[in-house]
Amino acid sequence: MKALLLTATAFASLASGIAILPPSPYKVPHAPDPATMWRVSLYQAAASSLVEQAARDTFTAQIYKIWRVPMNDPCGLKCYTPSAELLVHECAARLAPYVQAHEEKTASDAVEMLKTLSRATEPPVPADKLTDFINSVMDQLATLGFRNGVDAGLV
């Protein structure tokens, strides 16, 4: 009987210990961080700057896949905010082929739309981050055969 009581006490102690453990940091969304929300704003502006619906859908699906965020997650990118490096390089890599595939005026329009949308988002994308992003797109275009940003209509 004493052994049974000790066992019950041990289980109760164990159960109470489990109840006070913090939630696992793995695969659990976190609250949006205001200091990093510009990343989501930049992603949204980049996606919106693509004129064709098919291009927007493909771009969005690729970004969600890279960030390993289920597209049906209600919290989405706001709770799984990626690193700045991932955002800049991966978004630029996905955006560059679209810009390359269109004539210069369309590419220039897409970049102007990106600039406008980035300033209008809440929170707005910081100017230096937007410049880094556009420079990264230009670098990607250079690897695709454009001589410089002027060829792509980005300047």
N, C-alpha and C. Protein backbone atom coordinates (compact mmCIF):
# COMPACT_ATOMS: atom_id res chain seq x y z
N MET A 1 0.82 -1.18 0.00
CA MET A 1 0.00 0.00 0.00
C MET A 1 0.87 1.25 0.00
N LYS A 2 1.96 1.21 0.81
CA LYS A 2 2.86 2.35 0.87
C LYS A 2 3.53 2.57 -0.49
N ALA A 3 3.89 1.48 -1.17
CA ALA A 3 4.50 1.58 -2.50
C ALA A 3 3.53 2.20 -3.49
N LEU A 4 2.27 1.82 -3.40
CA LEU A 4 1.24 2.37 -4.29
C LEU A 4 1.08 3.87 -4.05
N LEU A 5 1.10 4.27 -2.80
CA LEU A 5 0.98 5.69 -2.45
C LEU A 5 2.18 6.47 -2.97
N LEU A 6 3.40 5.90 -2.84
CA LEU A 6 4.59 6.55 -3.36
C LEU A 6 4.54 6.67 -4.88
N THR A 7 4.05 5.61 -5.54
CA THR A 7 3.93 5.63 -6.99
C THR A 7 2.93 6.69 -7.42
N ALA A 8 1.79 6.76 -6.74
CA ALA A 8 0.78 7.77 -7.06
C ALA A 8 1.34 9.17 -6.84
N THR A 9 2.09 9.35 -5.78
CA THR A 9 2.70 10.65 -5.49
C THR A 9 3.72 11.01 -6.57
N ALA A 10 4.50 10.02 -7.00
CA ALA A 10 5.50 10.25 -8.05
C ALA A 10 4.82 10.65 -9.35
N PHE A 11 3.73 9.97 -9.74
CA PHE A 11 3.00 10.31 -10.96
C PHE A 11 2.38 11.70 -10.85
N ALA A 12 1.85 12.03 -9.68
CA ALA A 12 1.26 13.36 -9.48
C ALA A 12 2.33 14.44 -9.60
N SER A 13 3.50 14.15 -9.03
CA SER A 13 4.60 15.09 -9.11
C SER A 13 5.07 15.25 -10.56
N LEU A 14 5.17 14.13 -11.26
CA LEU A 14 5.57 14.15 -12.66
C LEU A 14 4.56 14.91 -13.49
N ALA A 15 3.29 14.64 -13.26
CA ALA A 15 2.23 15.31 -14.02
C ALA A 15 2.25 16.81 -13.77
N SER A 16 2.46 17.21 -12.54
CA SER A 16 2.49 18.64 -12.25
C SER A 16 3.72 19.29 -12.89
N GLY A 17 4.81 18.55 -12.97
CA GLY A 17 6.01 19.06 -13.62
C GLY A 17 5.81 19.25 -15.11
N ILE A 18 5.09 18.35 -15.73
CA ILE A 18 4.82 18.45 -17.16
C ILE A 18 3.91 19.65 -17.44
N ALA A 19 2.98 19.86 -16.55
CA ALA A 19 2.01 20.94 -16.76
C ALA A 19 2.67 22.31 -16.76
N ILE A 20 3.79 22.46 -16.07
CA ILE A 20 4.41 23.78 -15.99
C ILE A 20 5.54 23.98 -17.00
N LEU A 21 5.82 22.99 -17.82
CA LEU A 21 6.84 23.14 -18.84
C LEU A 21 6.38 24.15 -19.89
N PRO A 22 7.29 24.96 -20.40
CA PRO A 22 6.89 25.91 -21.45
C PRO A 22 6.59 25.16 -22.74
N PRO A 23 5.83 25.75 -23.63
CA PRO A 23 5.53 25.09 -24.89
C PRO A 23 6.80 24.90 -25.72
N SER A 24 6.79 23.91 -26.56
CA SER A 24 7.94 23.60 -27.40
C SER A 24 8.18 24.73 -28.40
N PRO A 25 9.45 25.10 -28.61
CA PRO A 25 9.73 26.15 -29.59
C PRO A 25 9.71 25.64 -31.03
N TYR A 26 9.58 24.34 -31.21
CA TYR A 26 9.63 23.76 -32.53
C TYR A 26 8.25 23.73 -33.17
N LYS A 27 8.18 24.23 -34.41
CA LYS A 27 6.96 24.21 -35.21
C LYS A 27 5.79 24.92 -34.53
N VAL A 28 6.10 25.84 -33.64
CA VAL A 28 5.05 26.60 -32.97
C VAL A 28 5.16 28.04 -33.44
N PRO A 29 4.10 28.63 -33.97
CA PRO A 29 4.20 30.01 -34.42
C PRO A 29 4.40 30.95 -33.24
N HIS A 30 5.05 32.04 -33.51
CA HIS A 30 5.26 33.04 -32.46
C HIS A 30 4.50 34.31 -32.83
N ALA A 31 4.35 35.16 -31.89
CA ALA A 31 3.64 36.42 -32.16
C ALA A 31 4.46 37.26 -33.14
N PRO A 32 3.80 38.00 -34.00
CA PRO A 32 4.54 38.84 -34.94
C PRO A 32 5.47 39.81 -34.22
N ASP A 33 6.67 39.94 -34.73
CA ASP A 33 7.66 40.85 -34.17
C ASP A 33 7.62 42.14 -34.98
N PRO A 34 7.19 43.24 -34.38
CA PRO A 34 7.07 44.49 -35.14
C PRO A 34 8.37 44.91 -35.82
N ALA A 35 9.50 44.58 -35.22
CA ALA A 35 10.79 44.97 -35.80
C ALA A 35 11.11 44.21 -37.08
N THR A 36 10.47 43.09 -37.31
CA THR A 36 10.75 42.30 -38.51
C THR A 36 9.58 42.24 -39.48
N MET A 37 8.50 42.90 -39.15
CA MET A 37 7.32 42.83 -40.02
C MET A 37 7.56 43.46 -41.38
N TRP A 38 8.57 44.31 -41.53
CA TRP A 38 8.86 44.88 -42.84
C TRP A 38 9.19 43.78 -43.84
N ARG A 39 9.71 42.65 -43.35
CA ARG A 39 10.05 41.55 -44.25
C ARG A 39 8.79 41.01 -44.92
N VAL A 40 7.74 40.87 -44.15
CA VAL A 40 6.48 40.39 -44.71
C VAL A 40 5.91 41.46 -45.64
N SER A 41 6.06 42.72 -45.27
CA SER A 41 5.60 43.81 -46.14
C SER A 41 6.33 43.77 -47.48
N LEU A 42 7.64 43.52 -47.44
CA LEU A 42 8.42 43.45 -48.68
C LEU A 42 7.98 42.27 -49.52
N TYR A 43 7.79 41.13 -48.89
CA TYR A 43 7.31 39.96 -49.62
C TYR A 43 5.96 40.26 -50.28
N GLN A 44 5.04 40.86 -49.54
CA GLN A 44 3.71 41.15 -50.07
C GLN A 44 3.79 42.15 -51.22
N ALA A 45 4.65 43.15 -51.08
CA ALA A 45 4.82 44.13 -52.16
C ALA A 45 5.42 43.47 -53.40
N ALA A 46 6.40 42.59 -53.19
CA ALA A 46 7.02 41.89 -54.32
C ALA A 46 5.99 41.03 -55.04
N ALA A 47 5.18 40.31 -54.29
CA ALA A 47 4.16 39.47 -54.90
C ALA A 47 3.13 40.32 -55.64
N SER A 48 2.71 41.41 -55.03
CA SER A 48 1.69 42.26 -55.64
C SER A 48 2.20 42.99 -56.88
N SER A 49 3.51 43.20 -56.97
CA SER A 49 4.06 43.91 -58.12
C SER A 49 4.06 43.06 -59.38
N LEU A 50 3.84 41.77 -59.24
CA LEU A 50 3.76 40.90 -60.40
C LEU A 50 2.37 41.04 -61.02
N VAL A 51 2.33 41.44 -62.26
CA VAL A 51 1.06 41.75 -62.91
C VAL A 51 0.23 40.50 -63.16
N GLU A 52 0.87 39.45 -63.62
CA GLU A 52 0.14 38.24 -64.00
C GLU A 52 -0.22 37.40 -62.78
N GLN A 53 -1.47 36.95 -62.72
CA GLN A 53 -1.95 36.14 -61.59
C GLN A 53 -1.14 34.85 -61.46
N ALA A 54 -0.83 34.22 -62.58
CA ALA A 54 -0.07 32.96 -62.54
C ALA A 54 1.32 33.19 -61.95
N ALA A 55 1.95 34.30 -62.31
CA ALA A 55 3.27 34.61 -61.76
C ALA A 55 3.18 34.86 -60.26
N ARG A 56 2.14 35.58 -59.83
CA ARG A 56 1.94 35.84 -58.39
C ARG A 56 1.74 34.53 -57.63
N ASP A 57 0.90 33.65 -58.18
CA ASP A 57 0.61 32.38 -57.51
C ASP A 57 1.87 31.52 -57.38
N THR A 58 2.65 31.45 -58.46
CA THR A 58 3.88 30.66 -58.43
C THR A 58 4.87 31.24 -57.43
N PHE A 59 5.04 32.56 -57.46
CA PHE A 59 5.95 33.25 -56.55
C PHE A 59 5.54 32.99 -55.10
N THR A 60 4.26 33.14 -54.81
CA THR A 60 3.76 32.93 -53.45
C THR A 60 3.98 31.49 -52.99
N ALA A 61 3.66 30.53 -53.84
CA ALA A 61 3.84 29.12 -53.48
C ALA A 61 5.30 28.81 -53.20
N GLN A 62 6.20 29.35 -54.01
CA GLN A 62 7.63 29.09 -53.81
C GLN A 62 8.13 29.69 -52.49
N ILE A 63 7.68 30.90 -52.18
CA ILE A 63 8.12 31.54 -50.94
C ILE A 63 7.62 30.76 -49.73
N TYR A 64 6.36 30.35 -49.76
CA TYR A 64 5.82 29.57 -48.64
C TYR A 64 6.59 28.26 -48.50
N LYS A 65 6.93 27.64 -49.63
CA LYS A 65 7.66 26.37 -49.59
C LYS A 65 9.06 26.57 -48.99
N ILE A 66 9.74 27.62 -49.41
CA ILE A 66 11.08 27.91 -48.89
C ILE A 66 11.03 28.18 -47.40
N TRP A 67 10.03 28.94 -46.95
CA TRP A 67 9.93 29.29 -45.54
C TRP A 67 9.29 28.17 -44.72
N ARG A 68 8.85 27.11 -45.41
CA ARG A 68 8.21 25.95 -44.76
C ARG A 68 7.00 26.37 -43.92
N VAL A 69 6.18 27.22 -44.52
CA VAL A 69 4.95 27.67 -43.88
C VAL A 69 3.78 27.12 -44.69
N PRO A 70 2.87 26.39 -44.06
CA PRO A 70 1.71 25.91 -44.81
C PRO A 70 0.89 27.09 -45.32
N MET A 71 0.47 27.03 -46.57
CA MET A 71 -0.28 28.15 -47.15
C MET A 71 -1.63 28.33 -46.49
N ASN A 72 -2.15 27.27 -45.86
CA ASN A 72 -3.46 27.39 -45.21
C ASN A 72 -3.33 27.76 -43.74
N ASP A 73 -2.13 28.09 -43.28
CA ASP A 73 -1.91 28.50 -41.89
C ASP A 73 -2.46 29.92 -41.72
N PRO A 74 -3.42 30.13 -40.82
CA PRO A 74 -4.01 31.46 -40.68
C PRO A 74 -3.01 32.53 -40.23
N CYS A 75 -1.99 32.12 -39.51
CA CYS A 75 -1.00 33.09 -39.03
C CYS A 75 0.03 33.37 -40.13
N GLY A 76 0.31 32.35 -40.91
CA GLY A 76 1.16 32.49 -42.08
C GLY A 76 2.52 33.12 -41.83
N LEU A 77 2.92 33.95 -42.79
CA LEU A 77 4.26 34.52 -42.77
C LEU A 77 4.48 35.48 -41.61
N LYS A 78 3.41 36.04 -41.07
CA LYS A 78 3.57 36.99 -39.97
C LYS A 78 4.10 36.29 -38.72
N CYS A 79 3.74 35.04 -38.52
CA CYS A 79 4.20 34.31 -37.34
C CYS A 79 5.47 33.52 -37.59
N TYR A 80 5.77 33.26 -38.84
CA TYR A 80 6.98 32.51 -39.19
C TYR A 80 7.89 33.44 -39.99
N THR A 81 8.22 34.58 -39.44
CA THR A 81 8.98 35.58 -40.17
C THR A 81 10.38 35.05 -40.48
N PRO A 82 10.76 35.06 -41.75
CA PRO A 82 12.07 34.54 -42.14
C PRO A 82 13.18 35.54 -41.84
N SER A 83 14.40 35.08 -41.98
CA SER A 83 15.54 35.98 -41.80
C SER A 83 15.59 36.96 -42.97
N ALA A 84 16.21 38.09 -42.74
CA ALA A 84 16.32 39.11 -43.78
C ALA A 84 17.09 38.59 -44.98
N GLU A 85 18.16 37.82 -44.73
CA GLU A 85 18.98 37.31 -45.82
C GLU A 85 18.17 36.37 -46.71
N LEU A 86 17.41 35.49 -46.08
CA LEU A 86 16.58 34.57 -46.85
C LEU A 86 15.58 35.34 -47.68
N LEU A 87 14.95 36.32 -47.09
CA LEU A 87 13.94 37.09 -47.81
C LEU A 87 14.55 37.78 -49.01
N VAL A 88 15.62 38.51 -48.82
CA VAL A 88 16.20 39.28 -49.91
C VAL A 88 16.67 38.37 -51.03
N HIS A 89 17.44 37.36 -50.70
CA HIS A 89 18.03 36.53 -51.75
C HIS A 89 17.00 35.62 -52.42
N GLU A 90 16.14 35.01 -51.65
CA GLU A 90 15.17 34.10 -52.25
C GLU A 90 14.08 34.84 -53.02
N CYS A 91 13.58 35.93 -52.47
CA CYS A 91 12.58 36.71 -53.21
C CYS A 91 13.17 37.25 -54.50
N ALA A 92 14.38 37.76 -54.42
CA ALA A 92 15.02 38.30 -55.62
C ALA A 92 15.24 37.20 -56.66
N ALA A 93 15.67 36.04 -56.20
CA ALA A 93 15.88 34.93 -57.12
C ALA A 93 14.59 34.52 -57.81
N ARG A 94 13.47 34.59 -57.10
CA ARG A 94 12.18 34.22 -57.68
C ARG A 94 11.62 35.32 -58.57
N LEU A 95 11.94 36.57 -58.24
CA LEU A 95 11.42 37.70 -58.99
C LEU A 95 12.20 37.94 -60.28
N ALA A 96 13.50 37.69 -60.26
CA ALA A 96 14.36 37.99 -61.41
C ALA A 96 13.92 37.32 -62.71
N PRO A 97 13.59 36.02 -62.72
CA PRO A 97 13.17 35.41 -63.99
C PRO A 97 11.91 36.06 -64.57
N TYR A 98 11.01 36.49 -63.71
CA TYR A 98 9.81 37.16 -64.19
C TYR A 98 10.19 38.48 -64.86
N VAL A 99 11.07 39.23 -64.23
CA VAL A 99 11.49 40.51 -64.78
C VAL A 99 12.22 40.29 -66.09
N GLN A 100 13.05 39.25 -66.15
CA GLN A 100 13.82 38.96 -67.35
C GLN A 100 12.90 38.59 -68.51
N ALA A 101 11.81 37.91 -68.23
CA ALA A 101 10.93 37.40 -69.27
C ALA A 101 10.09 38.48 -69.94
N HIS A 102 10.07 39.66 -69.39
CA HIS A 102 9.24 40.73 -69.93
C HIS A 102 10.10 41.84 -70.51
N GLU A 103 9.48 42.65 -71.34
CA GLU A 103 10.23 43.75 -71.94
C GLU A 103 10.61 44.78 -70.87
N GLU A 104 11.52 45.68 -71.23
CA GLU A 104 12.07 46.62 -70.25
C GLU A 104 11.00 47.47 -69.59
N LYS A 105 10.03 47.96 -70.35
CA LYS A 105 9.00 48.82 -69.76
C LYS A 105 8.23 48.06 -68.69
N THR A 106 7.88 46.82 -68.96
CA THR A 106 7.15 46.03 -67.98
C THR A 106 8.01 45.79 -66.74
N ALA A 107 9.29 45.51 -66.93
CA ALA A 107 10.19 45.30 -65.80
C ALA A 107 10.30 46.57 -64.97
N SER A 108 10.45 47.69 -65.64
CA SER A 108 10.54 48.96 -64.94
C SER A 108 9.25 49.25 -64.18
N ASP A 109 8.11 48.97 -64.81
CA ASP A 109 6.82 49.17 -64.15
C ASP A 109 6.71 48.29 -62.91
N ALA A 110 7.19 47.05 -63.00
CA ALA A 110 7.12 46.13 -61.86
C ALA A 110 7.96 46.65 -60.70
N VAL A 111 9.14 47.18 -61.00
CA VAL A 111 10.00 47.70 -59.94
C VAL A 111 9.41 48.97 -59.34
N GLU A 112 8.86 49.84 -60.19
CA GLU A 112 8.21 51.05 -59.66
C GLU A 112 7.02 50.68 -58.78
N MET A 113 6.26 49.67 -59.21
CA MET A 113 5.13 49.21 -58.40
C MET A 113 5.64 48.65 -57.07
N LEU A 114 6.74 47.90 -57.11
CA LEU A 114 7.34 47.36 -55.89
C LEU A 114 7.73 48.49 -54.93
N LYS A 115 8.36 49.54 -55.47
CA LYS A 115 8.76 50.68 -54.63
C LYS A 115 7.53 51.34 -54.00
N THR A 116 6.51 51.56 -54.81
CA THR A 116 5.29 52.22 -54.31
C THR A 116 4.61 51.37 -53.25
N LEU A 117 4.45 50.07 -53.53
CA LEU A 117 3.79 49.19 -52.58
C LEU A 117 4.59 49.06 -51.28
N SER A 118 5.91 49.03 -51.40
CA SER A 118 6.77 48.90 -50.21
C SER A 118 6.66 50.10 -49.29
N ARG A 119 6.46 51.27 -49.88
CA ARG A 119 6.30 52.48 -49.06
C ARG A 119 4.92 52.55 -48.43
N ALA A 120 3.93 51.95 -49.10
CA ALA A 120 2.54 52.05 -48.64
C ALA A 120 2.15 50.97 -47.64
N THR A 121 2.98 49.94 -47.48
CA THR A 121 2.62 48.85 -46.57
C THR A 121 2.72 49.30 -45.12
N GLU A 122 2.10 48.55 -44.27
CA GLU A 122 2.16 48.84 -42.83
C GLU A 122 2.73 47.63 -42.12
N PRO A 123 3.91 47.64 -41.56
CA PRO A 123 4.81 48.79 -41.56
C PRO A 123 5.49 48.95 -42.91
N PRO A 124 5.92 50.17 -43.25
CA PRO A 124 6.61 50.37 -44.53
C PRO A 124 7.96 49.66 -44.53
N VAL A 125 8.40 49.27 -45.70
CA VAL A 125 9.71 48.63 -45.83
C VAL A 125 10.77 49.73 -45.71
N PRO A 126 11.76 49.56 -44.83
CA PRO A 126 12.82 50.58 -44.72
C PRO A 126 13.52 50.79 -46.07
N ALA A 127 13.85 52.03 -46.37
CA ALA A 127 14.44 52.38 -47.67
C ALA A 127 15.71 51.58 -47.95
N ASP A 128 16.56 51.38 -46.93
CA ASP A 128 17.80 50.64 -47.16
C ASP A 128 17.53 49.18 -47.49
N LYS A 129 16.49 48.60 -46.87
CA LYS A 129 16.15 47.21 -47.15
C LYS A 129 15.58 47.07 -48.56
N LEU A 130 14.79 48.05 -48.99
CA LEU A 130 14.24 48.03 -50.34
C LEU A 130 15.36 48.16 -51.37
N THR A 131 16.32 49.05 -51.09
CA THR A 131 17.46 49.22 -51.98
C THR A 131 18.27 47.92 -52.06
N ASP A 132 18.51 47.28 -50.93
CA ASP A 132 19.22 45.99 -50.91
C ASP A 132 18.48 44.97 -51.76
N PHE A 133 17.16 44.94 -51.62
CA PHE A 133 16.35 43.99 -52.36
C PHE A 133 16.47 44.24 -53.87
N ILE A 134 16.32 45.49 -54.28
CA ILE A 134 16.39 45.80 -55.71
C ILE A 134 17.79 45.52 -56.25
N ASN A 135 18.83 45.83 -55.47
CA ASN A 135 20.19 45.50 -55.88
C ASN A 135 20.37 44.00 -56.03
N SER A 136 19.76 43.23 -55.15
CA SER A 136 19.84 41.78 -55.25
C SER A 136 19.13 41.28 -56.51
N VAL A 137 18.00 41.88 -56.85
CA VAL A 137 17.31 41.53 -58.10
C VAL A 137 18.23 41.84 -59.28
N MET A 138 18.88 43.00 -59.24
CA MET A 138 19.80 43.37 -60.32
C MET A 138 20.95 42.38 -60.42
N ASP A 139 21.49 41.94 -59.29
CA ASP A 139 22.56 40.94 -59.30
C ASP A 139 22.07 39.64 -59.93
N GLN A 140 20.85 39.24 -59.57
CA GLN A 140 20.29 38.02 -60.15
C GLN A 140 20.13 38.18 -61.66
N LEU A 141 19.68 39.35 -62.10
CA LEU A 141 19.53 39.60 -63.54
C LEU A 141 20.87 39.55 -64.25
N ALA A 142 21.92 40.04 -63.59
CA ALA A 142 23.25 40.00 -64.19
C ALA A 142 23.68 38.55 -64.43
N THR A 143 23.34 37.66 -63.50
CA THR A 143 23.69 36.25 -63.70
C THR A 143 22.86 35.61 -64.80
N LEU A 144 21.72 36.23 -65.13
CA LEU A 144 20.87 35.70 -66.19
C LEU A 144 21.21 36.30 -67.56
N GLY A 145 22.22 37.19 -67.60
CA GLY A 145 22.67 37.71 -68.88
C GLY A 145 22.44 39.19 -69.12
N PHE A 146 21.74 39.88 -68.26
CA PHE A 146 21.61 41.32 -68.42
C PHE A 146 22.94 41.96 -68.02
N ARG A 147 23.35 42.99 -68.78
CA ARG A 147 24.63 43.64 -68.47
C ARG A 147 24.55 44.44 -67.18
N ASN A 148 23.42 45.09 -66.96
CA ASN A 148 23.26 45.90 -65.74
C ASN A 148 21.78 46.19 -65.54
N GLY A 149 21.47 46.95 -64.51
CA GLY A 149 20.08 47.26 -64.20
C GLY A 149 19.39 48.07 -65.27
N VAL A 150 20.17 48.85 -66.07
CA VAL A 150 19.56 49.64 -67.13
C VAL A 150 18.94 48.72 -68.17
N ASP A 151 19.63 47.61 -68.50
CA ASP A 151 19.08 46.65 -69.46
C ASP A 151 17.74 46.12 -69.01
N ALA A 152 17.57 45.98 -67.71
CA ALA A 152 16.33 45.42 -67.19
C ALA A 152 15.29 46.49 -66.88
N GLY A 153 15.65 47.76 -67.10
CA GLY A 153 14.72 48.83 -66.80
C GLY A 153 14.60 49.10 -65.32
N LEU A 154 15.59 48.72 -64.54
CA LEU A 154 15.50 48.87 -63.09
C LEU A 154 16.05 50.19 -62.58
N VAL A 155 16.74 50.92 -63.44
CA VAL A 155 17.35 52.17 -62.98
C VAL A 155 16.56 53.35 -63.52
